[in-house]
C-alpha atoms as a PDB file:
ATOM      1  CA  MET A   1       7.975-103.176 -16.954  1.00  0.00           C
ATOM      2  CA  PRO A   2       6.426-100.708 -13.854  1.00  0.00           C
ATOM      3  CA  ASN A   3       7.768 -97.538 -14.419  1.00  0.00           C
ATOM      4  CA  ALA A   4       8.261 -95.160 -11.488  1.00  0.00           C
ATOM      5  CA  THR A   5       9.778 -92.245 -10.377  1.00  0.00           C
ATOM      6  CA  LEU A   6      13.131 -91.419  -8.248  1.00  0.00           C
ATOM      7  CA  ILE A   7      13.922 -87.706  -7.096  1.00  0.00           C
ATOM      8  CA  ASP A   8      17.350 -87.720  -5.393  1.00  0.00           C
ATOM      9  CA  VAL A   9      17.111 -84.517  -3.295  1.00  0.00           C
ATOM     10  CA  SER A  10      21.198 -84.582  -2.700  1.00  0.00           C
ATOM     11  CA  LYS A  11      20.514 -82.860  -6.082  1.00  0.00           C
ATOM     12  CA  CYS A  12      17.397 -80.591  -5.306  1.00  0.00           C
ATOM     13  CA  THR A  13      18.281 -76.825  -5.671  1.00  0.00           C
ATOM     14  CA  GLY A  14      14.848 -76.229  -4.274  1.00  0.00           C
ATOM     15  CA  CYS A  15      14.122 -74.054  -7.495  1.00  0.00           C
ATOM     16  CA  ARG A  16      10.660 -74.775  -7.766  1.00  0.00           C
ATOM     17  CA  ALA A  17      10.787 -76.220 -11.582  1.00  0.00           C
ATOM     18  CA  CYS A  18       8.825 -79.236 -10.688  1.00  0.00           C
ATOM     19  CA  GLN A  19       6.306 -77.086  -9.332  1.00  0.00           C
ATOM     20  CA  VAL A  20       5.964 -74.475 -11.970  1.00  0.00           C
ATOM     21  CA  ALA A  21       5.988 -76.954 -14.707  1.00  0.00           C
ATOM     22  CA  CYS A  22       3.272 -79.320 -12.751  1.00  0.00           C
ATOM     23  CA  LYS A  23       1.094 -75.731 -12.551  1.00  0.00           C
ATOM     24  CA  ALA A  24       1.643 -74.686 -16.627  1.00  0.00           C
ATOM     25  CA  TRP A  25       1.347 -78.566 -17.903  1.00  0.00           C
ATOM     26  CA  ASN A  26      -1.855 -79.201 -16.176  1.00  0.00           C
ATOM     27  CA  ASP A  27      -3.641 -75.529 -16.374  1.00  0.00           C
ATOM     28  CA  LEU A  28      -3.746 -75.049 -12.503  1.00  0.00           C
ATOM     29  CA  PRO A  29      -5.040 -72.125 -11.237  1.00  0.00           C
ATOM     30  CA  ALA A  30      -1.901 -69.823  -9.075  1.00  0.00           C
ATOM     31  CA  GLU A  31      -3.131 -69.338  -5.810  1.00  0.00           C
ATOM     32  CA  GLU A  32      -3.182 -66.033  -3.420  1.00  0.00           C
ATOM     33  CA  THR A  33      -0.322 -67.270  -0.373  1.00  0.00           C
ATOM     34  CA  SER A  34       0.838 -65.148   2.442  1.00  0.00           C
ATOM     35  CA  CYS A  35       4.813 -65.290   3.716  1.00  0.00           C
ATOM     36  CA  PHE A  36       5.022 -67.478   6.936  1.00  0.00           C
ATOM     37  CA  GLY A  37       8.968 -66.642   7.806  1.00  0.00           C
ATOM     38  CA  CYS A  38      10.107 -69.648   5.410  1.00  0.00           C
ATOM     39  CA  TYR A  39      11.226 -69.159   1.813  1.00  0.00           C
ATOM     40  CA  GLU A  40       8.604 -72.368   0.485  1.00  0.00           C
ATOM     41  CA  ASN A  41       5.909 -71.268  -0.813  1.00  0.00           C
ATOM     42  CA  PRO A  42       2.521 -72.370  -1.010  1.00  0.00           C
ATOM     43  CA  PRO A  43       2.985 -73.534   2.071  1.00  0.00           C
ATOM     44  CA  ASP A  44       0.739 -76.573   1.112  1.00  0.00           C
ATOM     45  CA  LEU A  45      -0.599 -78.762  -1.424  1.00  0.00           C
ATOM     46  CA  SER A  46      -4.249 -78.353  -2.300  1.00  0.00           C
ATOM     47  CA  ALA A  47      -6.694 -79.387  -4.682  1.00  0.00           C
ATOM     48  CA  ASN A  48      -4.676 -76.531  -7.217  1.00  0.00           C
ATOM     49  CA  THR A  49      -1.180 -76.964  -6.119  1.00  0.00           C
ATOM     50  CA  TRP A  50      -0.731 -80.783  -6.714  1.00  0.00           C
ATOM     51  CA  SER A  51       3.504 -80.440  -6.542  1.00  0.00           C
ATOM     52  CA  ARG A  52       5.489 -78.293  -3.967  1.00  0.00           C
ATOM     53  CA  VAL A  53       9.098 -77.813  -2.750  1.00  0.00           C
ATOM     54  CA  ALA A  54       9.566 -78.303   0.925  1.00  0.00           C
ATOM     55  CA  PHE A  55      12.556 -76.809   2.565  1.00  0.00           C
ATOM     56  CA  TYR A  56      14.173 -78.516   5.626  1.00  0.00           C
ATOM     57  CA  GLU A  57      16.841 -76.749   7.975  1.00  0.00           C
ATOM     58  CA  VAL A  58      18.754 -79.691  10.223  1.00  0.00           C
ATOM     59  CA  GLU A  59      21.500 -79.486  11.869  1.00  0.00           C
ATOM     60  CA  ARG A  60      23.486 -82.360  12.066  1.00  0.00           C
ATOM     61  CA  GLU A  61      25.450 -84.022  14.280  1.00  0.00           C
ATOM     62  CA  GLY A  62      28.768 -81.679  15.267  1.00  0.00           C
ATOM     63  CA  GLY A  63      26.592 -78.687  14.790  1.00  0.00           C
ATOM     64  CA  GLU A  64      26.584 -79.041  10.993  1.00  0.00           C
ATOM     65  CA  LEU A  65      23.932 -77.108   8.891  1.00  0.00           C
ATOM     66  CA  ALA A  66      21.781 -78.238   6.305  1.00  0.00           C
ATOM     67  CA  TRP A  67      19.918 -76.798   3.883  1.00  0.00           C
ATOM     68  CA  LEU A  68      17.642 -79.877   1.904  1.00  0.00           C
ATOM     69  CA  PHE A  69      14.660 -79.626  -0.297  1.00  0.00           C
ATOM     70  CA  ARG A  70      12.086 -82.466  -0.850  1.00  0.00           C
ATOM     71  CA  SER A  71       9.664 -82.441  -3.957  1.00  0.00           C
ATOM     72  CA  VAL A  72       6.246 -83.395  -2.685  1.00  0.00           C
ATOM     73  CA  ARG A  73       3.545 -84.871  -4.252  1.00  0.00           C
ATOM     74  CA  CYS A  74       1.549 -88.228  -4.655  1.00  0.00           C
ATOM     75  CA  MET A  75       3.575 -91.064  -4.071  1.00  0.00           C
ATOM     76  CA  HIS A  76       1.753 -93.808  -6.450  1.00  0.00           C
ATOM     77  CA  CYS A  77       1.643 -96.220  -3.836  1.00  0.00           C
ATOM     78  CA  THR A  78       1.322-100.095  -4.484  1.00  0.00           C
ATOM     79  CA  ASP A  79      -0.379-100.904  -1.750  1.00  0.00           C
ATOM     80  CA  ALA A  80      -2.353 -97.343  -1.914  1.00  0.00           C
ATOM     81  CA  SER A  81      -4.682 -96.212   0.906  1.00  0.00           C
ATOM     82  CA  CYS A  82      -7.182 -94.064  -1.417  1.00  0.00           C
ATOM     83  CA  ALA A  83      -7.736 -96.576  -3.573  1.00  0.00           C
ATOM     84  CA  GLU A  84      -8.451 -99.134  -0.474  1.00  0.00           C
ATOM     85  CA  VAL A  85     -11.310 -96.417   0.597  1.00  0.00           C
ATOM     86  CA  CYS A  86     -12.788 -94.888  -1.874  1.00  0.00           C
ATOM     87  CA  PRO A  87     -16.474 -96.132  -2.097  1.00  0.00           C
ATOM     88  CA  THR A  88     -17.030 -95.543  -5.665  1.00  0.00           C
ATOM     89  CA  GLY A  89     -13.980 -96.519  -7.200  1.00  0.00           C
ATOM     90  CA  ALA A  90     -12.921 -92.999  -8.305  1.00  0.00           C
ATOM     91  CA  ALA A  91      -9.405 -93.424  -6.651  1.00  0.00           C
ATOM     92  CA  SER A  92      -8.004 -96.406  -9.228  1.00  0.00           C
ATOM     93  CA  ARG A  93      -4.578 -97.135 -10.848  1.00  0.00           C
ATOM     94  CA  VAL A  94      -4.016 -96.884 -14.016  1.00  0.00           C
ATOM     95  CA  GLY A  95      -1.124 -98.837 -15.127  1.00  0.00           C
ATOM     96  CA  ASN A  96       1.215 -97.993 -12.268  1.00  0.00           C
ATOM     97  CA  THR A  97      -0.346 -94.562 -11.734  1.00  0.00           C
ATOM     98  CA  LEU A  98      -2.974 -93.462  -8.831  1.00  0.00           C
ATOM     99  CA  VAL A  99      -5.462 -91.205 -10.524  1.00  0.00           C
ATOM    100  CA  ILE A 100      -8.666 -90.314  -9.586  1.00  0.00           C
ATOM    101  CA  ASP A 101     -11.911 -89.736 -11.610  1.00  0.00           C
ATOM    102  CA  GLU A 102     -13.103 -86.598 -10.504  1.00  0.00           C
ATOM    103  CA  GLU A 103     -16.661 -87.511 -12.493  1.00  0.00           C
ATOM    104  CA  TRP A 104     -16.843 -90.457  -9.917  1.00  0.00           C
ATOM    105  CA  CYS A 105     -15.810 -88.529  -7.101  1.00  0.00           C
ATOM    106  CA  ILE A 106     -18.079 -87.599  -4.427  1.00  0.00           C
ATOM    107  CA  GLY A 107     -16.498 -85.673  -2.147  1.00  0.00           C
ATOM    108  CA  CYS A 108     -16.230 -87.628   0.935  1.00  0.00           C
ATOM    109  CA  GLY A 109     -12.539 -87.059   1.656  1.00  0.00           C
ATOM    110  CA  TYR A 110     -12.015 -91.038   3.132  1.00  0.00           C
ATOM    111  CA  CYS A 111      -8.849 -90.745   0.635  1.00  0.00           C
ATOM    112  CA  GLU A 112      -7.482 -87.349   2.213  1.00  0.00           C
ATOM    113  CA  THR A 113      -7.921 -89.100   5.849  1.00  0.00           C
ATOM    114  CA  ALA A 114      -6.265 -92.326   4.632  1.00  0.00           C
ATOM    115  CA  CYS A 115      -2.989 -91.407   2.707  1.00  0.00           C
ATOM    116  CA  PRO A 116      -0.312 -91.358   5.099  1.00  0.00           C
ATOM    117  CA  PHE A 117       0.951 -89.182   3.518  1.00  0.00           C
ATOM    118  CA  HIS A 118      -1.991 -86.435   3.383  1.00  0.00           C
ATOM    119  CA  VAL A 119      -1.586 -85.944  -0.373  1.00  0.00           C
ATOM    120  CA  PRO A 120      -5.202 -85.957  -2.070  1.00  0.00           C
ATOM    121  CA  ARG A 121      -6.911 -82.532  -1.611  1.00  0.00           C
ATOM    122  CA  LEU A 122     -10.585 -81.517  -1.626  1.00  0.00           C
ATOM    123  CA  GLY A 123     -11.349 -78.610  -4.014  1.00  0.00           C
ATOM    124  CA  GLU A 124     -13.711 -75.385  -2.956  1.00  0.00           C
ATOM    125  CA  GLY A 125     -16.530 -73.962  -3.661  1.00  0.00           C
ATOM    126  CA  ALA A 126     -17.649 -75.232  -7.158  1.00  0.00           C
ATOM    127  CA  ALA A 127     -14.615 -77.684  -6.875  1.00  0.00           C
ATOM    128  CA  LYS A 128     -15.361 -79.337  -3.555  1.00  0.00           C
ATOM    129  CA  ALA A 129     -16.972 -82.291  -5.054  1.00  0.00           C
ATOM    130  CA  SER A 130     -14.181 -83.763  -6.179  1.00  0.00           C
ATOM    131  CA  ALA A 131     -10.474 -84.872  -4.570  1.00  0.00           C
ATOM    132  CA  ARG A 132      -7.607 -83.861  -6.544  1.00  0.00           C
ATOM    133  CA  LYS A 133      -3.993 -84.867  -6.503  1.00  0.00           C
ATOM    134  CA  CYS A 134      -0.641 -85.519  -9.231  1.00  0.00           C
ATOM    135  CA  TRP A 135      -1.521 -88.069 -11.847  1.00  0.00           C
ATOM    136  CA  ARG A 136       1.600 -88.270 -12.780  1.00  0.00           C
ATOM    137  CA  CYS A 137       0.984 -86.660 -16.348  1.00  0.00           C
ATOM    138  CA  ALA A 138      -0.403 -89.927 -17.687  1.00  0.00           C
ATOM    139  CA  ASP A 139      -1.152 -87.925 -20.489  1.00  0.00           C
ATOM    140  CA  ARG A 140       2.471 -87.265 -21.434  1.00  0.00           C
ATOM    141  CA  VAL A 141       3.566 -90.547 -20.306  1.00  0.00           C
ATOM    142  CA  ALA A 142       0.458 -91.956 -22.659  1.00  0.00           C
ATOM    143  CA  ASP A 143       2.574 -90.298 -25.592  1.00  0.00           C
ATOM    144  CA  GLY A 144       5.879 -91.504 -24.513  1.00  0.00           C
ATOM    145  CA  LYS A 145       7.276 -88.614 -23.258  1.00  0.00           C
ATOM    146  CA  GLN A 146       8.668 -87.526 -19.456  1.00  0.00           C
ATOM    147  CA  PRO A 147       6.201 -86.087 -16.521  1.00  0.00           C
ATOM    148  CA  ALA A 148       6.756 -82.042 -17.036  1.00  0.00           C
ATOM    149  CA  CYS A 149       8.159 -82.644 -13.379  1.00  0.00           C
ATOM    150  CA  ALA A 150      10.955 -84.605 -14.898  1.00  0.00           C
ATOM    151  CA  SER A 151      11.208 -83.013 -17.797  1.00  0.00           C
ATOM    152  CA  ALA A 152      11.763 -79.297 -16.242  1.00  0.00           C
ATOM    153  CA  CYS A 153      14.424 -80.334 -13.755  1.00  0.00           C
ATOM    154  CA  PRO A 154      17.215 -78.826 -14.348  1.00  0.00           C
ATOM    155  CA  THR A 155      19.445 -80.464 -12.328  1.00  0.00           C
ATOM    156  CA  GLY A 156      18.453 -84.269 -13.072  1.00  0.00           C
ATOM    157  CA  ALA A 157      17.217 -84.464  -9.734  1.00  0.00           C
ATOM    158  CA  ILE A 158      13.722 -86.104 -10.904  1.00  0.00           C
ATOM    159  CA  SER A 159      13.982 -89.299 -12.883  1.00  0.00           C
ATOM    160  CA  TYR A 160      10.441 -91.225 -14.398  1.00  0.00           C
ATOM    161  CA  GLY A 161      11.264 -95.005 -15.984  1.00  0.00           C
ATOM    162  CA  ASP A 162      11.514 -98.456 -15.308  1.00  0.00           C
ATOM    163  CA  ARG A 163      11.045 -98.722 -11.468  1.00  0.00           C
ATOM    164  CA  ASN A 164      13.575-101.781 -11.397  1.00  0.00           C
ATOM    165  CA  ALA A 165      16.779 -99.475 -13.099  1.00  0.00           C
ATOM    166  CA  LEU A 166      15.296 -96.840 -11.040  1.00  0.00           C
ATOM    167  CA  VAL A 167      15.764 -98.684  -7.662  1.00  0.00           C
ATOM    168  CA  ALA A 168      19.262 -99.759  -8.848  1.00  0.00           C
ATOM    169  CA  THR A 169      20.296 -96.260  -9.377  1.00  0.00           C
ATOM    170  CA  GLY A 170      19.187 -95.251  -6.409  1.00  0.00           C
ATOM    171  CA  ASN A 171      20.986 -97.787  -4.663  1.00  0.00           C
ATOM    172  CA  ASP A 172      23.936 -96.882  -6.380  1.00  0.00           C
ATOM    173  CA  ARG A 173      23.499 -93.284  -5.594  1.00  0.00           C
ATOM    174  CA  VAL A 174      23.138 -93.796  -1.528  1.00  0.00           C
ATOM    175  CA  ALA A 175      26.154 -95.564  -1.547  1.00  0.00           C
ATOM    176  CA  ALA A 176      28.536 -92.839  -3.346  1.00  0.00           C
ATOM    177  CA  LEU A 177      26.009 -90.348  -0.666  1.00  0.00           C
ATOM    178  CA  LYS A 178      27.865 -93.033   2.085  1.00  0.00           C
ATOM    179  CA  ASN A 179      31.019 -92.372   0.662  1.00  0.00           C
ATOM    180  CA  ILE A 180      30.968 -88.315   0.795  1.00  0.00           C
ATOM    181  CA  GLY A 181      30.367 -89.182   4.844  1.00  0.00           C
ATOM    182  CA  LEU A 182      26.113 -88.675   4.434  1.00  0.00           C
ATOM    183  CA  SER A 183      26.017 -92.014   6.934  1.00  0.00           C
ATOM    184  CA  ASP A 184      22.484 -91.672   6.827  1.00  0.00           C
ATOM    185  CA  ALA A 185      21.814 -92.078   3.379  1.00  0.00           C
ATOM    186  CA  ASN A 186      19.154 -94.405   2.216  1.00  0.00           C
ATOM    187  CA  LEU A 187      16.645 -94.802  -0.794  1.00  0.00           C
ATOM    188  CA  TYR A 188      12.689 -94.382   0.323  1.00  0.00           C
ATOM    189  CA  GLY A 189      10.174 -96.250  -1.327  1.00  0.00           C
ATOM    190  CA  ASP A 190      11.439 -99.056  -2.925  1.00  0.00           C
ATOM    191  CA  VAL A 191       9.677-101.521  -0.131  1.00  0.00           C
ATOM    192  CA  GLN A 192       7.219 -99.691   1.410  1.00  0.00           C
ATOM    193  CA  LEU A 193       3.413-100.034   0.905  1.00  0.00           C
ATOM    194  CA  GLY A 194       4.371-102.653  -1.862  1.00  0.00           C
ATOM    195  CA  GLY A 195       6.535-100.652  -3.511  1.00  0.00           C
ATOM    196  CA  LEU A 196       6.187 -96.692  -3.843  1.00  0.00           C
ATOM    197  CA  GLY A 197       5.753 -95.263  -7.466  1.00  0.00           C
ATOM    198  CA  VAL A 198       7.576 -92.455  -6.144  1.00  0.00           C
ATOM    199  CA  MET A 199      11.130 -93.318  -4.684  1.00  0.00           C
ATOM    200  CA  TYR A 200      13.344 -90.873  -2.942  1.00  0.00           C
ATOM    201  CA  VAL A 201      17.502 -90.533  -2.503  1.00  0.00           C
ATOM    202  CA  LEU A 202      17.575 -88.962   0.491  1.00  0.00           C
ATOM    203  CA  THR A 203      20.609 -87.697   2.279  1.00  0.00           C
ATOM    204  CA  ASP A 204      19.461 -88.244   5.670  1.00  0.00           C
ATOM    205  CA  PRO A 205      16.387 -90.457   7.612  1.00  0.00           C
ATOM    206  CA  PRO A 206      12.985 -90.120   6.606  1.00  0.00           C
ATOM    207  CA  SER A 207      11.339 -88.239   9.412  1.00  0.00           C
ATOM    208  CA  VAL A 208      14.047 -85.310   8.462  1.00  0.00           C
ATOM    209  CA  PHE A 209      11.842 -84.916   5.422  1.00  0.00           C
ATOM    210  CA  GLY A 210       8.663 -85.161   6.684  1.00  0.00           C
ATOM    211  CA  LEU A 211       8.143 -88.607   5.707  1.00  0.00           C
ATOM    212  CA  PRO A 212       6.772 -91.517   7.639  1.00  0.00           C
ATOM    213  CA  GLU A 213       9.460 -94.414   8.689  1.00  0.00           C
ATOM    214  CA  ALA A 214       6.731 -97.137   8.053  1.00  0.00           C
ATOM    215  CA  PRO A 215       3.455 -95.943   6.229  1.00  0.00           C
ATOM    216  CA  ARG A 216       0.560 -97.970   6.490  1.00  0.00           C
ATOM    217  CA  VAL A 217      -2.466 -98.657   4.738  1.00  0.00           C
ATOM    218  CA  PRO A 218      -5.544 -97.972   6.982  1.00  0.00           C
ATOM    219  CA  THR A 219      -7.122-100.423   9.066  1.00  0.00           C
ATOM    220  CA  GLN A 220     -10.030-102.635   7.943  1.00  0.00           C
ATOM    221  CA  THR A 221     -12.271 -99.899  10.899  1.00  0.00           C
ATOM    222  CA  VAL A 222     -10.972 -97.127   8.472  1.00  0.00           C
ATOM    223  CA  ILE A 223     -11.885 -99.075   5.166  1.00  0.00           C
ATOM    224  CA  GLY A 224     -15.568 -99.970   6.289  1.00  0.00           C
ATOM    225  CA  SER A 225     -16.147 -97.055   7.545  1.00  0.00           C
ATOM    226  CA  TRP A 226     -17.366 -95.687   4.709  1.00  0.00           C
ATOM    227  CA  PHE A 227     -20.897 -97.731   4.731  1.00  0.00           C
ATOM    228  CA  ALA A 228     -22.425 -95.682   7.724  1.00  0.00           C
ATOM    229  CA  GLY A 229     -20.787 -91.980   6.100  1.00  0.00           C
ATOM    230  CA  LEU A 230     -22.455 -92.675   2.845  1.00  0.00           C
ATOM    231  CA  LEU A 231     -25.971 -93.442   4.613  1.00  0.00           C
ATOM    232  CA  THR A 232     -25.076 -89.818   6.850  1.00  0.00           C
ATOM    233  CA  ALA A 233     -24.463 -88.289   3.579  1.00  0.00           C
ATOM    234  CA  GLY A 234     -27.722 -89.657   1.804  1.00  0.00           C
ATOM    235  CA  VAL A 235     -25.427 -90.517  -0.941  1.00  0.00           C
ATOM    236  CA  VAL A 236     -27.903 -93.544  -1.762  1.00  0.00           C
ATOM    237  CA  ALA A 237     -30.198 -91.503  -3.571  1.00  0.00           C
ATOM    238  CA  ALA A 238     -27.847 -89.929  -5.971  1.00  0.00           C
ATOM    239  CA  VAL A 239     -26.140 -93.043  -6.733  1.00  0.00           C
ATOM    240  CA  PRO A 240     -26.980 -96.586  -6.362  1.00  0.00           C
ATOM    241  CA  PHE A 241     -24.633 -99.108  -4.059  1.00  0.00           C
ATOM    242  CA  TRP A 242     -24.839-101.509  -6.846  1.00  0.00           C
ATOM    243  CA  LEU A 243     -23.553 -99.420  -9.351  1.00  0.00           C
ATOM    244  CA  LEU A 244     -20.868 -98.431  -6.801  1.00  0.00           C
ATOM    245  CA  PHE A 245     -19.580-101.984  -6.374  1.00  0.00           C
ATOM    246  CA  ARG A 246     -20.423-102.976 -10.308  1.00  0.00           C
ATOM    247  CA  ARG A 247     -17.926 -99.718 -10.544  1.00  0.00           C
ATOM    248  CA  LYS A 248     -15.245-101.242  -8.370  1.00  0.00           C
ATOM    249  CA  GLU A 249     -15.278-105.419  -9.580  1.00  0.00           C
ATOM    250  CA  ALA A 250     -14.681-104.072 -12.779  1.00  0.00           C
ATOM    251  CA  LEU A 251     -11.580-101.776 -11.858  1.00  0.00           C
ATOM    252  CA  ALA A 252     -10.081-104.595 -10.164  1.00  0.00           C
ATOM    253  CA  ALA A 253     -10.743-106.970 -13.294  1.00  0.00           C
ATOM    254  CA  GLN A 254      -9.312-104.824 -15.256  1.00  0.00           C
ATOM    255  CA  ALA A 255      -5.592-105.994 -16.919  1.00  0.00           C
ATOM    256  CA  PRO A 256      -3.107-103.820 -16.260  1.00  0.00           C
ATOM    257  CA  VAL A 257      -2.282-101.044 -18.624  1.00  0.00           C
ATOM    258  CA  GLU A 258       1.312-101.360 -20.795  1.00  0.00           C
ATOM    259  CA  GLU A 259       2.751 -98.150 -20.280  1.00  0.00           C
ATOM    260  CA  ALA A 260       5.033 -96.431 -23.439  1.00  0.00           C
ATOM    261  CA  PRO A 261       8.685 -96.864 -23.498  1.00  0.00           C
ATOM    262  CA  VAL A 262       9.250 -93.308 -21.954  1.00  0.00           C
ATOM    263  CA  GLU A 263      12.321 -90.563 -23.792  1.00  0.00           C
ATOM    264  CA  GLN A 264      15.317 -90.412 -21.593  1.00  0.00           C
ATOM    265  CA  PRO A 265      17.278 -87.382 -20.861  1.00  0.00           C
ATOM    266  CA  PRO A 266      20.674 -87.133 -22.242  1.00  0.00           C
ATOM    267  CA  PRO A 267      23.450 -88.455 -19.952  1.00  0.00           C
ATOM    268  CA  GLU A 268      23.971 -86.182 -16.969  1.00  0.00           C
ATOM    269  CA  GLN A 269      27.039 -84.211 -17.105  1.00  0.00           C
ATOM    270  CA  THR A 270      27.689 -83.087 -13.912  1.00  0.00           C
ATOM    271  CA  SER A 271      30.173 -84.171 -11.417  1.00  0.00           C
ATOM    272  CA  GLU A 272      28.714 -86.114  -8.467  1.00  0.00           C
ATOM    273  CA  GLY A 273      28.569 -84.524  -5.315  1.00  0.00           C
ATOM    274  CA  GLY A 274      27.150 -83.842  -1.805  1.00  0.00           C
ATOM    275  CA  GLU A 275      24.071 -82.276  -1.015  1.00  0.00           C
END
């Protein structure tokens, strides 16, 4: 069965342990940032920041103020725009995870433009020729371990495991949140774009958390536009088209990868609560 990640924002405290764990496990360098009037830091994803915690201050009905958090990263879509528009097959699916092969990436930026969640980012300087993003610790997962973010989360807000089981867990949690008065609680990602590899239990509508209500794959015009772009960039001289197409066909023909059973954290001891 495919695996997925479930992030329960009602349990997130904004501690950013997931953010630090991602940096540490993937050996990503620190980046110089500056205060811009908000607690969240850094302000956006980058080629060297694949996961970050976004902060939202929301005024709910009746004047109630809510301080909300969301762990932002690649959504590992089933209908993945990045893979659709990638001309070289650098963006492809390994098991239930979307990865970018930096050796095949030519830095065209189509994945960055096409992604409805604005996730892939091109590097700078010597690394500019490659788009980079979360690969859901595929090396850890292949060894039967939890992704670094899930292992580091102190509240159990991030879970990784069988997708069907996580959908059931998410729906149960949504029902519990509705019972305590959070009428807008919803499970995001169970059906969007063919089912996302990263789902959220949200306490408020998706737009509150910067998520599109109905994300879509790019139009056929966008998918086809890479051909003209490659000619303009002169990539034909560097990478023969027949090789690109053969790689895309080979990736499409690959059998699905069986994912190793994942170790599960001990049962949660905390009592059920709201946001």
